[in-house]
Protein backbone atom coordinates (compact mmCIF):
# COMPACT_ATOMS: atom_id res chain seq x y z
CA MET A 1 -84.53 -39.46 56.64
CA GLY A 2 -83.96 -39.79 52.92
CA LYS A 3 -83.33 -43.08 51.15
CA ASN A 4 -79.81 -42.02 50.05
CA LYS A 5 -78.89 -41.02 53.60
CA MET A 6 -80.07 -44.39 54.97
CA LEU A 7 -78.20 -46.23 52.23
CA SER A 8 -75.02 -44.24 52.97
CA ARG A 9 -75.26 -44.99 56.68
CA ALA A 10 -75.91 -48.70 56.03
CA LEU A 11 -72.93 -48.82 53.65
CA LEU A 12 -70.72 -47.03 56.21
CA ALA A 13 -71.84 -49.43 58.96
CA ALA A 14 -71.08 -52.42 56.71
CA VAL A 15 -67.60 -51.11 55.86
CA LEU A 16 -66.82 -50.41 59.52
CA GLY A 17 -68.12 -53.86 60.49
CA VAL A 18 -65.96 -55.62 57.87
CA SER A 19 -62.95 -53.51 58.94
CA ALA A 20 -63.49 -54.47 62.57
CA LEU A 21 -63.78 -58.15 61.64
CA SER A 22 -60.59 -57.92 59.53
CA ALA A 23 -58.72 -56.28 62.39
CA GLN A 24 -59.97 -58.95 64.78
CA ALA A 25 -58.96 -61.73 62.36
CA ALA A 26 -55.42 -60.30 62.18
CA ASP A 27 -55.21 -60.54 65.98
CA LYS A 28 -55.61 -64.32 66.04
CA GLY A 29 -54.49 -67.35 64.10
CA PHE A 30 -51.49 -69.52 63.37
CA TYR A 31 -48.03 -68.13 62.68
CA ALA A 32 -44.55 -69.43 61.90
CA GLY A 33 -41.11 -67.93 61.46
CA ALA A 34 -37.36 -68.21 61.59
CA GLY A 35 -34.52 -66.31 63.22
CA VAL A 36 -30.78 -65.86 63.18
CA GLY A 37 -28.53 -64.24 65.76
CA GLN A 38 -25.87 -64.83 68.41
CA SER A 39 -25.85 -67.34 71.23
CA PHE A 40 -23.46 -66.75 74.09
CA VAL A 41 -22.35 -68.15 77.42
CA ASP A 42 -20.28 -66.19 79.96
CA GLU A 43 -19.86 -68.31 83.06
CA GLN A 44 -17.61 -70.94 84.57
CA ALA A 45 -15.07 -72.16 81.97
CA TYR A 46 -16.96 -70.60 79.03
CA ASP A 47 -16.92 -67.09 77.56
CA ASP A 48 -17.77 -67.37 73.88
CA GLU A 49 -20.44 -66.74 71.27
CA ASP A 50 -21.54 -68.32 68.01
CA THR A 51 -24.16 -67.91 65.30
CA ALA A 52 -27.51 -69.43 66.25
CA PHE A 53 -30.62 -70.29 64.26
CA SER A 54 -34.22 -70.90 65.24
CA VAL A 55 -37.60 -71.83 63.79
CA PHE A 56 -40.86 -71.33 65.61
CA GLY A 57 -44.61 -71.51 65.27
CA GLY A 58 -47.58 -70.73 67.40
CA TYR A 59 -51.17 -69.71 67.77
CA GLN A 60 -52.15 -66.10 68.54
CA PHE A 61 -55.36 -66.26 70.63
CA ASN A 62 -55.80 -62.48 70.66
CA LYS A 63 -53.51 -59.44 70.38
CA TYR A 64 -52.33 -60.00 73.97
CA PHE A 65 -51.66 -63.76 74.24
CA ALA A 66 -50.11 -66.59 72.21
CA LEU A 67 -48.61 -70.04 72.74
CA GLU A 68 -45.37 -70.64 70.84
CA GLY A 69 -43.18 -73.67 70.25
CA GLY A 70 -39.86 -73.82 68.50
CA TYR A 71 -36.40 -75.18 67.96
CA ALA A 72 -33.11 -73.32 68.57
CA ASP A 73 -29.62 -74.42 67.47
CA PHE A 74 -27.09 -72.56 69.64
CA GLY A 75 -24.00 -73.39 67.56
CA LYS A 76 -20.65 -74.21 69.22
CA ILE A 77 -19.34 -72.44 72.30
CA GLU A 78 -15.61 -72.90 72.93
CA PRO A 79 -14.13 -73.10 76.48
CA GLU A 80 -11.70 -70.36 77.56
CA LEU A 81 -8.84 -72.76 78.35
CA ALA A 82 -9.47 -76.46 77.97
CA GLY A 83 -12.38 -78.83 77.95
CA PRO A 84 -15.19 -79.85 75.66
CA GLU A 85 -17.03 -77.35 73.51
CA LEU A 86 -20.73 -76.72 74.08
CA GLU A 87 -22.76 -77.73 71.06
CA ALA A 88 -26.37 -77.46 72.17
CA ASP A 89 -29.90 -77.22 70.86
CA SER A 90 -33.36 -76.92 72.37
CA PHE A 91 -37.06 -77.55 71.72
CA TYR A 92 -39.25 -75.10 73.65
CA LEU A 93 -42.85 -74.23 74.50
CA THR A 94 -43.68 -70.77 75.84
CA ALA A 95 -46.60 -68.51 76.67
CA VAL A 96 -46.23 -65.10 75.01
CA GLY A 97 -47.79 -61.92 76.39
CA SER A 98 -47.86 -58.91 74.05
CA VAL A 99 -48.50 -55.22 74.63
CA PRO A 100 -49.40 -53.14 71.55
CA ILE A 101 -47.55 -49.81 71.57
CA THR A 102 -48.79 -48.52 68.20
CA GLU A 103 -50.81 -50.13 65.43
CA LYS A 104 -47.65 -51.74 63.96
CA PHE A 105 -45.24 -51.89 66.91
CA SER A 106 -45.54 -54.08 70.03
CA ALA A 107 -43.45 -55.44 72.88
CA TYR A 108 -43.70 -58.95 74.29
CA ALA A 109 -42.43 -61.23 77.02
CA LYS A 110 -42.37 -65.01 76.96
CA ALA A 111 -41.82 -67.76 79.50
CA GLY A 112 -42.01 -71.52 79.46
CA PHE A 113 -39.91 -74.67 79.40
CA HIS A 114 -37.42 -76.19 77.02
CA ARG A 115 -35.88 -79.60 76.44
CA TRP A 116 -32.18 -79.03 75.87
CA ASN A 117 -29.51 -81.33 74.49
CA ILE A 118 -25.73 -80.93 74.64
CA ASP A 119 -23.82 -83.16 72.20
CA ASP A 120 -21.22 -84.18 74.81
CA ALA A 121 -21.88 -84.39 78.54
CA ILE A 122 -19.74 -81.90 80.45
CA PRO A 123 -18.79 -83.43 83.81
CA GLY A 124 -18.76 -80.97 86.69
CA LEU A 125 -20.39 -78.16 84.70
CA THR A 126 -24.04 -79.02 85.24
CA GLY A 127 -23.71 -81.00 88.44
CA THR A 128 -24.43 -84.26 86.62
CA ASP A 129 -23.07 -86.12 83.65
CA ASP A 130 -26.39 -85.72 81.79
CA ASP A 131 -26.30 -84.32 78.30
CA SER A 132 -29.98 -83.33 78.24
CA GLY A 133 -32.69 -82.01 80.51
CA THR A 134 -35.76 -79.81 80.91
CA ASP A 135 -35.46 -76.32 82.39
CA PRO A 136 -37.10 -72.87 82.23
CA THR A 137 -36.70 -70.44 79.35
CA TYR A 138 -37.81 -66.82 79.16
CA GLY A 139 -37.26 -63.72 77.08
CA VAL A 140 -38.37 -60.30 75.88
CA GLY A 141 -38.75 -58.80 72.45
CA VAL A 142 -40.20 -56.17 70.18
CA GLN A 143 -42.14 -56.69 66.97
CA TYR A 144 -42.77 -54.42 63.99
CA ARG A 145 -45.58 -55.46 61.66
CA PHE A 146 -44.89 -54.61 57.98
CA THR A 147 -48.22 -56.05 56.77
CA ASP A 148 -51.06 -58.09 58.29
CA ARG A 149 -49.06 -61.21 57.39
CA VAL A 150 -45.37 -60.29 57.90
CA ALA A 151 -43.56 -58.95 60.96
CA MET A 152 -39.93 -58.51 62.08
CA ARG A 153 -38.99 -59.35 65.68
CA GLY A 154 -35.95 -58.60 67.81
CA GLU A 155 -35.69 -60.99 70.73
CA TYR A 156 -33.41 -61.71 73.68
CA SER A 157 -33.95 -65.06 75.44
CA ARG A 158 -32.31 -67.08 78.18
CA PHE A 159 -32.30 -70.87 78.17
CA GLU A 160 -31.34 -72.34 81.54
CA MET A 161 -29.46 -75.66 81.39
CA GLU A 162 -29.13 -76.80 85.01
CA ASP A 163 -26.18 -74.66 86.26
CA LEU A 164 -25.47 -73.01 82.89
CA ASP A 165 -27.33 -70.16 81.17
CA GLN A 166 -27.36 -70.02 77.36
CA ASP A 167 -28.38 -66.57 76.06
CA LEU A 168 -29.73 -65.91 72.57
CA ALA A 169 -30.16 -62.56 70.78
CA GLN A 170 -31.87 -62.75 67.38
CA LEU A 171 -33.68 -61.05 64.54
CA GLN A 172 -36.70 -63.08 63.46
CA VAL A 173 -39.24 -62.94 60.64
CA ARG A 174 -42.82 -63.96 61.48
CA PHE A 175 -45.46 -65.01 58.95
CA ASP A 176 -49.14 -65.07 59.98
CA PHE A 177 -51.67 -67.39 58.31
């Protein structure tokens, strides 16, 4: 085998190795982002929606699994007839499982727990007069990666609050570090 052929193969192997390491590096690391969308409740005395905001961050262990924590402000939900409005927020921690569909597009599901807070206790609605608690949260979403560092997500999540379900549909921007 000639010297040029060996050099070409070594160079090709090095380029492929660096490319594989770069692809692997993009599959793990810290990320953060923010979202905006609609929160809504449609049960008991409530049937309303409002603008909601969220911030989140996490660690991507590989292209299939991440842990994510965040904060969501659900806005104000007005009652249909009379009673207090729901002004709630939540801190959450979830496990996120992703399934790559193409190189840039993936789907994911998340599940975990959240610590919710309602500004005013709503007697009779949640079975207690508490204005905070810890309950399950879960959701599904899709993600489109524009670059190795920036992605857009569409997500639908449910935040259980004792006997009340707060739903959240958002567009989010994710930044990887």
